Amino acid sequence: MASYCYHGSLLNVRWDHRTDTKEELMPSDYIDKLLKAVVGFKVVVSEIHAKEKLGQHKNPDDQHGVFHALHTSPSSESKELADYMQKRGLGIGS
């Protein structure tokens, strides 16, 4: 399977190592035709709508178990999430 990434005049081609050449996957004239149709665009995000999903829909015992596991984890990211959950009062089992 091949994947193509086009940046200006550069074409990065990645192909399956089991195939000998990229031409076996896609002829260069076909690649040239495809590149003429490539269009770039930029998206500016002006607003995000989100929900915190921290297990509030679980029963309190399950919430407490997850919170305890995060809080006692050796992972700093897990402890940070547990602290955040406690500060917000979400998904901690109470």
C-alpha atoms as a PDB file:
ATOM      1  CA  MET A   1       0.000   0.000   0.000  1.00  0.00           C
ATOM      2  CA  ALA A   2       1.383   3.414  -0.900  1.00  0.00           C
ATOM      3  CA  SER A   3       0.791   6.766   0.715  1.00  0.00           C
ATOM      4  CA  TYR A   4       1.648  10.083  -0.877  1.00  0.00           C
ATOM      5  CA  CYS A   5       2.245  13.416   0.808  1.00  0.00           C
ATOM      6  CA  TYR A   6       2.622  16.476  -1.425  1.00  0.00           C
ATOM      7  CA  HIS A   7       4.341  19.639  -0.150  1.00  0.00           C
ATOM      8  CA  GLY A   8       4.909  22.272  -2.832  1.00  0.00           C
ATOM      9  CA  SER A   9       7.164  20.662  -5.399  1.00  0.00           C
ATOM     10  CA  LEU A  10       8.104  17.732  -3.159  1.00  0.00           C
ATOM     11  CA  LEU A  11       6.347  14.407  -3.204  1.00  0.00           C
ATOM     12  CA  ASN A  12       7.058  11.997  -0.390  1.00  0.00           C
ATOM     13  CA  VAL A  13       6.226   8.466  -1.418  1.00  0.00           C
ATOM     14  CA  ARG A  14       5.959   5.598   1.033  1.00  0.00           C
ATOM     15  CA  TRP A  15       5.276   2.164  -0.272  1.00  0.00           C
ATOM     16  CA  ASP A  16       5.016  -1.361   0.961  1.00  0.00           C
ATOM     17  CA  HIS A  17       8.475  -2.881   1.360  1.00  0.00           C
ATOM     18  CA  ARG A  18       7.226  -6.052  -0.329  1.00  0.00           C
ATOM     19  CA  THR A  19       6.894  -4.191  -3.632  1.00  0.00           C
ATOM     20  CA  ASP A  20      10.050  -3.620  -5.651  1.00  0.00           C
ATOM     21  CA  THR A  21       9.367  -0.152  -7.086  1.00  0.00           C
ATOM     22  CA  LYS A  22       6.837   2.621  -6.734  1.00  0.00           C
ATOM     23  CA  GLU A  23       6.015   2.316 -10.461  1.00  0.00           C
ATOM     24  CA  GLU A  24       4.538  -1.112  -9.742  1.00  0.00           C
ATOM     25  CA  LEU A  25       2.088   0.572  -7.409  1.00  0.00           C
ATOM     26  CA  MET A  26       1.253   3.671  -9.414  1.00  0.00           C
ATOM     27  CA  PRO A  27       2.794   4.907 -12.664  1.00  0.00           C
ATOM     28  CA  SER A  28       4.533   8.286 -12.438  1.00  0.00           C
ATOM     29  CA  ASP A  29       2.268   9.840 -15.109  1.00  0.00           C
ATOM     30  CA  TYR A  30      -0.750   8.870 -12.987  1.00  0.00           C
ATOM     31  CA  ILE A  31       0.888  10.439  -9.919  1.00  0.00           C
ATOM     32  CA  ASP A  32       1.461  13.634 -11.938  1.00  0.00           C
ATOM     33  CA  LYS A  33      -2.246  13.721 -12.870  1.00  0.00           C
ATOM     34  CA  LEU A  34      -3.256  13.249  -9.251  1.00  0.00           C
ATOM     35  CA  LEU A  35      -0.946  16.015  -8.054  1.00  0.00           C
ATOM     36  CA  LYS A  36      -2.635  18.520 -10.370  1.00  0.00           C
ATOM     37  CA  ALA A  37      -5.860  17.951  -8.448  1.00  0.00           C
ATOM     38  CA  VAL A  38      -4.366  18.373  -4.971  1.00  0.00           C
ATOM     39  CA  VAL A  39      -5.811  21.379  -3.174  1.00  0.00           C
ATOM     40  CA  GLY A  40      -4.575  22.701   0.150  1.00  0.00           C
ATOM     41  CA  PHE A  41      -6.673  24.655   2.608  1.00  0.00           C
ATOM     42  CA  LYS A  42      -6.390  26.152   6.063  1.00  0.00           C
ATOM     43  CA  VAL A  43      -8.977  25.892   8.803  1.00  0.00           C
ATOM     44  CA  VAL A  44      -9.178  28.506  11.529  1.00  0.00           C
ATOM     45  CA  VAL A  45     -10.901  27.250  14.679  1.00  0.00           C
ATOM     46  CA  SER A  46     -12.811  30.051  16.348  1.00  0.00           C
ATOM     47  CA  GLU A  47     -14.837  28.086  18.869  1.00  0.00           C
ATOM     48  CA  ILE A  48     -14.854  24.647  20.476  1.00  0.00           C
ATOM     49  CA  HIS A  49     -17.827  22.991  22.136  1.00  0.00           C
ATOM     50  CA  ALA A  50     -16.887  20.087  24.383  1.00  0.00           C
ATOM     51  CA  LYS A  51     -18.088  17.948  27.248  1.00  0.00           C
ATOM     52  CA  GLU A  52     -16.079  16.521  30.091  1.00  0.00           C
ATOM     53  CA  LYS A  53     -16.534  12.778  30.034  1.00  0.00           C
ATOM     54  CA  LEU A  54     -15.012  11.605  33.281  1.00  0.00           C
ATOM     55  CA  GLY A  55     -17.247   8.655  34.070  1.00  0.00           C
ATOM     56  CA  GLN A  56     -20.100  10.638  35.635  1.00  0.00           C
ATOM     57  CA  HIS A  57     -22.559   8.155  34.116  1.00  0.00           C
ATOM     58  CA  LYS A  58     -20.926   5.239  35.981  1.00  0.00           C
ATOM     59  CA  ASN A  59     -22.075   4.118  39.411  1.00  0.00           C
ATOM     60  CA  PRO A  60     -20.289   5.721  42.397  1.00  0.00           C
ATOM     61  CA  ASP A  61     -18.299   2.568  43.235  1.00  0.00           C
ATOM     62  CA  ASP A  62     -16.878   2.375  39.700  1.00  0.00           C
ATOM     63  CA  GLN A  63     -16.097   6.086  39.762  1.00  0.00           C
ATOM     64  CA  HIS A  64     -14.274   5.755  43.066  1.00  0.00           C
ATOM     65  CA  GLY A  65     -12.273   2.773  41.779  1.00  0.00           C
ATOM     66  CA  VAL A  66     -11.120   4.641  38.676  1.00  0.00           C
ATOM     67  CA  PHE A  67     -10.331   7.779  40.667  1.00  0.00           C
ATOM     68  CA  HIS A  68      -8.334   5.777  43.221  1.00  0.00           C
ATOM     69  CA  ALA A  69      -6.374   3.986  40.473  1.00  0.00           C
ATOM     70  CA  LEU A  70      -5.544   7.308  38.791  1.00  0.00           C
ATOM     71  CA  HIS A  71      -4.639   8.959  42.101  1.00  0.00           C
ATOM     72  CA  THR A  72      -2.286   6.154  43.192  1.00  0.00           C
ATOM     73  CA  SER A  73      -0.756   5.579  39.757  1.00  0.00           C
ATOM     74  CA  PRO A  74       2.979   6.143  39.279  1.00  0.00           C
ATOM     75  CA  SER A  75       2.119   8.109  36.107  1.00  0.00           C
ATOM     76  CA  SER A  76       2.239  11.880  36.596  1.00  0.00           C
ATOM     77  CA  GLU A  77      -0.415  12.311  33.877  1.00  0.00           C
ATOM     78  CA  SER A  78      -2.794   9.985  35.751  1.00  0.00           C
ATOM     79  CA  LYS A  79      -2.250  11.887  38.990  1.00  0.00           C
ATOM     80  CA  GLU A  80      -2.854  15.199  37.197  1.00  0.00           C
ATOM     81  CA  LEU A  81      -6.142  13.850  35.834  1.00  0.00           C
ATOM     82  CA  ALA A  82      -7.157  12.647  39.319  1.00  0.00           C
ATOM     83  CA  ASP A  83      -6.352  16.094  40.746  1.00  0.00           C
ATOM     84  CA  TYR A  84      -8.401  17.734  37.997  1.00  0.00           C
ATOM     85  CA  MET A  85     -11.335  15.381  38.615  1.00  0.00           C
ATOM     86  CA  GLN A  86     -11.187  16.118  42.339  1.00  0.00           C
ATOM     87  CA  LYS A  87     -10.998  19.881  41.782  1.00  0.00           C
ATOM     88  CA  ARG A  88     -14.040  19.736  39.453  1.00  0.00           C
ATOM     89  CA  GLY A  89     -15.877  17.185  41.612  1.00  0.00           C
ATOM     90  CA  LEU A  90     -16.490  14.954  38.566  1.00  0.00           C
ATOM     91  CA  GLY A  91     -16.253  11.174  38.388  1.00  0.00           C
ATOM     92  CA  ILE A  92     -14.813  10.721  41.870  1.00  0.00           C
ATOM     93  CA  GLY A  93     -17.617   8.619  43.307  1.00  0.00           C
ATOM     94  CA  SER A  94     -19.355  11.064  45.573  1.00  0.00           C
END
